[in-house]
Structures are given as C-alpha cells and as structure tokens.
C-alpha cells in the first residue's frame, strides 16, 4: 500500500489542486491492478516523509 498524490483540475474554474489516496496494488491474472482504498481528501497535512509509515500502519 502507498499514498498517491493526484492533481485534479476543476471544470468550472480551471483551478488545479491535489488530492490524496491510499492505494493498494495487487497482481490479478498476470496483470497489475491498483485500487483506491481510502480517499484521504484535499487537506491531507502529513509530511511526505511519513507517508510510508502511515500506509503500513493502516495495513
């Protein structure tokens, strides 16, 4: 599991912002699949250096 930062652009105003997600990776039938477990939202104030520790604790 890992935390992914994704840049999103709003269609109404054209502004961009980042959203954060907890993602799980697994291999299914020889292909790598990733699925979002938790949408952590836009205001995720955990330093990037702590993301791996947080993901492993949630696991």
PDB file of N, CA and C in Angstrom:
ATOM      1  N   UNK A   1       0.835  -1.176   0.000  1.00  0.00           N
ATOM      2  CA  UNK A   1       0.000   0.000   0.000  1.00  0.00           C
ATOM      3  C   UNK A   1       0.882   1.241   0.000  1.00  0.00           C
ATOM      4  N   UNK A   2       0.362   2.264  -0.612  1.00  0.00           N
ATOM      5  CA  UNK A   2       1.082   3.531  -0.632  1.00  0.00           C
ATOM      6  C   UNK A   2       0.087   4.669  -0.787  1.00  0.00           C
ATOM      7  N   UNK A   3       0.555   5.875  -0.525  1.00  0.00           N
ATOM      8  CA  UNK A   3      -0.283   7.064  -0.659  1.00  0.00           C
ATOM      9  C   UNK A   3       0.096   7.755  -1.958  1.00  0.00           C
ATOM     10  N   UNK A   4      -0.908   8.052  -2.747  1.00  0.00           N
ATOM     11  CA  UNK A   4      -0.701   8.686  -4.047  1.00  0.00           C
ATOM     12  C   UNK A   4      -1.250  10.106  -4.011  1.00  0.00           C
ATOM     13  N   UNK A   5      -0.485  11.013  -4.567  1.00  0.00           N
ATOM     14  CA  UNK A   5      -0.922  12.391  -4.741  1.00  0.00           C
ATOM     15  C   UNK A   5      -1.363  12.551  -6.191  1.00  0.00           C
ATOM     16  N   UNK A   6      -2.565  13.066  -6.401  1.00  0.00           N
ATOM     17  CA  UNK A   6      -3.113  13.224  -7.741  1.00  0.00           C
ATOM     18  C   UNK A   6      -3.504  14.680  -7.954  1.00  0.00           C
ATOM     19  N   UNK A   7      -3.140  15.238  -9.090  1.00  0.00           N
ATOM     20  CA  UNK A   7      -3.524  16.606  -9.420  1.00  0.00           C
ATOM     21  C   UNK A   7      -4.851  16.578 -10.168  1.00  0.00           C
ATOM     22  N   UNK A   8      -5.790  17.392  -9.703  1.00  0.00           N
ATOM     23  CA  UNK A   8      -7.132  17.445 -10.275  1.00  0.00           C
ATOM     24  C   UNK A   8      -7.402  18.870 -10.748  1.00  0.00           C
ATOM     25  N   UNK A   9      -8.031  18.986 -11.905  1.00  0.00           N
ATOM     26  CA  UNK A   9      -8.385  20.295 -12.439  1.00  0.00           C
ATOM     27  C   UNK A   9      -9.903  20.411 -12.458  1.00  0.00           C
ATOM     28  N   UNK A  10     -10.424  21.478 -11.871  1.00  0.00           N
ATOM     29  CA  UNK A  10     -11.871  21.670 -11.853  1.00  0.00           C
ATOM     30  C   UNK A  10     -12.342  22.154 -13.217  1.00  0.00           C
ATOM     31  N   UNK A  11     -13.492  21.681 -13.623  1.00  0.00           N
ATOM     32  CA  UNK A  11     -14.008  22.070 -14.936  1.00  0.00           C
ATOM     33  C   UNK A  11     -14.627  23.464 -14.911  1.00  0.00           C
ATOM     34  N   UNK A  12     -15.170  23.862 -13.782  1.00  0.00           N
ATOM     35  CA  UNK A  12     -15.850  25.156 -13.704  1.00  0.00           C
ATOM     36  C   UNK A  12     -14.871  26.328 -13.744  1.00  0.00           C
ATOM     37  N   UNK A  13     -13.861  26.293 -12.870  1.00  0.00           N
ATOM     38  CA  UNK A  13     -12.958  27.440 -12.780  1.00  0.00           C
ATOM     39  C   UNK A  13     -11.603  27.189 -13.435  1.00  0.00           C
ATOM     40  N   UNK A  14     -11.271  25.928 -13.686  1.00  0.00           N
ATOM     41  CA  UNK A  14      -9.988  25.607 -14.294  1.00  0.00           C
ATOM     42  C   UNK A  14      -8.837  25.571 -13.306  1.00  0.00           C
ATOM     43  N   UNK A  15      -9.127  25.736 -12.017  1.00  0.00           N
ATOM     44  CA  UNK A  15      -8.085  25.697 -10.997  1.00  0.00           C
ATOM     45  C   UNK A  15      -7.646  24.257 -10.748  1.00  0.00           C
ATOM     46  N   UNK A  16      -6.386  24.095 -10.366  1.00  0.00           N
ATOM     47  CA  UNK A  16      -5.880  22.764 -10.055  1.00  0.00           C
ATOM     48  C   UNK A  16      -5.613  22.656  -8.554  1.00  0.00           C
ATOM     49  N   UNK A  17      -5.783  21.458  -8.041  1.00  0.00           N
ATOM     50  CA  UNK A  17      -5.464  21.170  -6.647  1.00  0.00           C
ATOM     51  C   UNK A  17      -5.055  19.715  -6.543  1.00  0.00           C
ATOM     52  N   UNK A  18      -4.490  19.340  -5.411  1.00  0.00           N
ATOM     53  CA  UNK A  18      -4.056  17.961  -5.207  1.00  0.00           C
ATOM     54  C   UNK A  18      -5.014  17.250  -4.271  1.00  0.00           C
ATOM     55  N   UNK A  19      -5.219  15.975  -4.543  1.00  0.00           N
ATOM     56  CA  UNK A  19      -5.987  15.119  -3.659  1.00  0.00           C
ATOM     57  C   UNK A  19      -5.127  13.895  -3.356  1.00  0.00           C
ATOM     58  N   UNK A  20      -5.361  13.259  -2.223  1.00  0.00           N
ATOM     59  CA  UNK A  20      -4.513  12.166  -1.761  1.00  0.00           C
ATOM     60  C   UNK A  20      -5.348  10.915  -1.546  1.00  0.00           C
ATOM     61  N   UNK A  21      -4.766   9.757  -1.911  1.00  0.00           N
ATOM     62  CA  UNK A  21      -5.480   8.483  -1.824  1.00  0.00           C
ATOM     63  C   UNK A  21      -4.561   7.395  -1.299  1.00  0.00           C
ATOM     64  N   UNK A  22      -5.126   6.476  -0.532  1.00  0.00           N
ATOM     65  CA  UNK A  22      -4.410   5.279  -0.123  1.00  0.00           C
ATOM     66  C   UNK A  22      -4.715   4.215  -1.166  1.00  0.00           C
ATOM     67  N   UNK A  23      -3.673   3.689  -1.811  1.00  0.00           N
ATOM     68  CA  UNK A  23      -3.824   2.787  -2.950  1.00  0.00           C
ATOM     69  C   UNK A  23      -3.190   1.441  -2.633  1.00  0.00           C
ATOM     70  N   UNK A  24      -3.861   0.371  -3.066  1.00  0.00           N
ATOM     71  CA  UNK A  24      -3.350  -0.986  -2.905  1.00  0.00           C
ATOM     72  C   UNK A  24      -3.032  -1.542  -4.290  1.00  0.00           C
ATOM     73  N   UNK A  25      -1.905  -2.235  -4.407  1.00  0.00           N
ATOM     74  CA  UNK A  25      -1.503  -2.849  -5.668  1.00  0.00           C
ATOM     75  C   UNK A  25      -1.542  -4.355  -5.506  1.00  0.00           C
ATOM     76  N   UNK A  26      -2.117  -5.041  -6.495  1.00  0.00           N
ATOM     77  CA  UNK A  26      -2.134  -6.500  -6.480  1.00  0.00           C
ATOM     78  C   UNK A  26      -2.030  -7.015  -7.906  1.00  0.00           C
ATOM     79  N   UNK A  27      -1.570  -8.241  -8.043  1.00  0.00           N
ATOM     80  CA  UNK A  27      -1.443  -8.861  -9.353  1.00  0.00           C
ATOM     81  C   UNK A  27      -2.606  -9.834  -9.528  1.00  0.00           C
ATOM     82  N   UNK A  28      -3.387  -9.626 -10.587  1.00  0.00           N
ATOM     83  CA  UNK A  28      -4.549 -10.461 -10.879  1.00  0.00           C
ATOM     84  C   UNK A  28      -4.421 -10.969 -12.311  1.00  0.00           C
ATOM     85  N   UNK A  29      -4.382 -12.274 -12.458  1.00  0.00           N
ATOM     86  CA  UNK A  29      -4.285 -12.911 -13.780  1.00  0.00           C
ATOM     87  C   UNK A  29      -3.108 -12.362 -14.580  1.00  0.00           C
ATOM     88  N   UNK A  30      -1.981 -12.166 -13.901  1.00  0.00           N
ATOM     89  CA  UNK A  30      -0.773 -11.710 -14.574  1.00  0.00           C
ATOM     90  C   UNK A  30      -0.704 -10.219 -14.845  1.00  0.00           C
ATOM     91  N   UNK A  31      -1.713  -9.469 -14.421  1.00  0.00           N
ATOM     92  CA  UNK A  31      -1.721  -8.022 -14.633  1.00  0.00           C
ATOM     93  C   UNK A  31      -1.724  -7.309 -13.287  1.00  0.00           C
ATOM     94  N   UNK A  32      -1.066  -6.167 -13.246  1.00  0.00           N
ATOM     95  CA  UNK A  32      -1.025  -5.369 -12.025  1.00  0.00           C
ATOM     96  C   UNK A  32      -2.267  -4.493 -11.974  1.00  0.00           C
ATOM     97  N   UNK A  33      -2.985  -4.579 -10.868  1.00  0.00           N
ATOM     98  CA  UNK A  33      -4.192  -3.779 -10.665  1.00  0.00           C
ATOM     99  C   UNK A  33      -3.988  -2.904  -9.435  1.00  0.00           C
ATOM    100  N   UNK A  34      -4.417  -1.675  -9.523  1.00  0.00           N
ATOM    101  CA  UNK A  34      -4.352  -0.775  -8.383  1.00  0.00           C
ATOM    102  C   UNK A  34      -5.762  -0.306  -8.076  1.00  0.00           C
ATOM    103  N   UNK A  35      -6.080  -0.279  -6.792  1.00  0.00           N
ATOM    104  CA  UNK A  35      -7.403   0.207  -6.414  1.00  0.00           C
ATOM    105  C   UNK A  35      -7.279   1.149  -5.229  1.00  0.00           C
ATOM    106  N   UNK A  36      -8.138   2.133  -5.220  1.00  0.00           N
ATOM    107  CA  UNK A  36      -8.159   3.115  -4.146  1.00  0.00           C
ATOM    108  C   UNK A  36      -8.917   2.530  -2.967  1.00  0.00           C
ATOM    109  N   UNK A  37      -8.264   2.500  -1.808  1.00  0.00           N
ATOM    110  CA  UNK A  37      -8.906   2.005  -0.597  1.00  0.00           C
ATOM    111  C   UNK A  37      -9.588   3.138   0.161  1.00  0.00           C
ATOM    112  N   UNK A  38      -8.879   4.263   0.275  1.00  0.00           N
ATOM    113  CA  UNK A  38      -9.407   5.413   1.009  1.00  0.00           C
ATOM    114  C   UNK A  38      -9.037   6.683   0.257  1.00  0.00           C
ATOM    115  N   UNK A  39     -10.006   7.546   0.071  1.00  0.00           N
ATOM    116  CA  UNK A  39      -9.722   8.870  -0.455  1.00  0.00           C
ATOM    117  C   UNK A  39      -9.426   9.754   0.753  1.00  0.00           C
ATOM    118  N   UNK A  40      -8.184  10.188   0.874  1.00  0.00           N
ATOM    119  CA  UNK A  40      -7.762  10.972   2.034  1.00  0.00           C
ATOM    120  C   UNK A  40      -8.120  12.445   1.899  1.00  0.00           C
ATOM    121  N   UNK A  41      -8.565  12.829   0.738  1.00  0.00           N
ATOM    122  CA  UNK A  41      -9.065  14.180   0.548  1.00  0.00           C
ATOM    123  C   UNK A  41      -8.020  15.184   0.116  1.00  0.00           C
ATOM    124  N   UNK A  42      -8.448  16.389   0.127  1.00  0.00           N
ATOM    125  CA  UNK A  42      -7.658  17.501  -0.375  1.00  0.00           C
ATOM    126  C   UNK A  42      -6.741  18.088   0.695  1.00  0.00           C
ATOM    127  N   UNK A  43      -7.147  18.016   1.942  1.00  0.00           N
ATOM    128  CA  UNK A  43      -6.408  18.650   3.036  1.00  0.00           C
ATOM    129  C   UNK A  43      -5.701  17.600   3.881  1.00  0.00           C
ATOM    130  N   UNK A  44      -4.782  16.898   3.282  1.00  0.00           N
ATOM    131  CA  UNK A  44      -4.013  15.832   3.928  1.00  0.00           C
ATOM    132  C   UNK A  44      -2.683  16.433   4.362  1.00  0.00           C
ATOM    133  N   UNK A  45      -2.535  16.736   5.655  1.00  0.00           N
ATOM    134  CA  UNK A  45      -1.394  17.508   6.145  1.00  0.00           C
ATOM    135  C   UNK A  45      -0.304  16.664   6.788  1.00  0.00           C
ATOM    136  N   UNK A  46      -0.059  15.479   6.282  1.00  0.00           N
ATOM    137  CA  UNK A  46       1.004  14.622   6.804  1.00  0.00           C
ATOM    138  C   UNK A  46       2.232  14.810   5.914  1.00  0.00           C
ATOM    139  N   UNK A  47       3.412  15.037   6.502  1.00  0.00           N
ATOM    140  CA  UNK A  47       4.620  15.204   5.681  1.00  0.00           C
ATOM    141  C   UNK A  47       4.890  13.972   4.820  1.00  0.00           C
ATOM    142  N   UNK A  48       5.387  14.185   3.618  1.00  0.00           N
ATOM    143  CA  UNK A  48       5.623  13.088   2.680  1.00  0.00           C
ATOM    144  C   UNK A  48       6.580  12.046   3.251  1.00  0.00           C
ATOM    145  N   UNK A  49       7.480  12.452   4.107  1.00  0.00           N
ATOM    146  CA  UNK A  49       8.424  11.507   4.714  1.00  0.00           C
ATOM    147  C   UNK A  49       7.718  10.494   5.622  1.00  0.00           C
ATOM    148  N   UNK A  50       6.514  10.796   6.076  1.00  0.00           N
ATOM    149  CA  UNK A  50       5.757   9.898   6.960  1.00  0.00           C
ATOM    150  C   UNK A  50       4.705   9.065   6.234  1.00  0.00           C
ATOM    151  N   UNK A  51       4.548   9.236   4.938  1.00  0.00           N
ATOM    152  CA  UNK A  51       3.504   8.534   4.196  1.00  0.00           C
ATOM    153  C   UNK A  51       3.663   7.022   4.268  1.00  0.00           C
ATOM    154  N   UNK A  52       4.873   6.511   4.090  1.00  0.00           N
ATOM    155  CA  UNK A  52       5.089   5.061   4.090  1.00  0.00           C
ATOM    156  C   UNK A  52       4.746   4.462   5.452  1.00  0.00           C
ATOM    157  N   UNK A  53       5.149   5.129   6.523  1.00  0.00           N
ATOM    158  CA  UNK A  53       4.841   4.647   7.864  1.00  0.00           C
ATOM    159  C   UNK A  53       3.324   4.623   8.091  1.00  0.00           C
ATOM    160  N   UNK A  54       2.636   5.653   7.652  1.00  0.00           N
ATOM    161  CA  UNK A  54       1.186   5.720   7.806  1.00  0.00           C
ATOM    162  C   UNK A  54       0.499   4.608   7.014  1.00  0.00           C
ATOM    163  N   UNK A  55       0.930   4.388   5.784  1.00  0.00           N
ATOM    164  CA  UNK A  55       0.336   3.339   4.947  1.00  0.00           C
ATOM    165  C   UNK A  55       0.547   1.963   5.564  1.00  0.00           C
ATOM    166  N   UNK A  56       1.720   1.714   6.130  1.00  0.00           N
ATOM    167  CA  UNK A  56       1.979   0.407   6.739  1.00  0.00           C
ATOM    168  C   UNK A  56       1.175   0.220   8.024  1.00  0.00           C
ATOM    169  N   UNK A  57       0.904   1.277   8.750  1.00  0.00           N
ATOM    170  CA  UNK A  57       0.083   1.169   9.964  1.00  0.00           C
ATOM    171  C   UNK A  57      -1.375   0.891   9.633  1.00  0.00           C
ATOM    172  N   UNK A  58      -1.858   1.457   8.552  1.00  0.00           N
ATOM    173  CA  UNK A  58      -3.240   1.218   8.137  1.00  0.00           C
ATOM    174  C   UNK A  58      -3.398  -0.218   7.660  1.00  0.00           C
ATOM    175  N   UNK A  59      -2.362  -0.744   7.046  1.00  0.00           N
ATOM    176  CA  UNK A  59      -2.387  -2.107   6.518  1.00  0.00           C
ATOM    177  C   UNK A  59      -2.588  -3.065   7.649  1.00  0.00           C
TER     178      UNK A  59
END
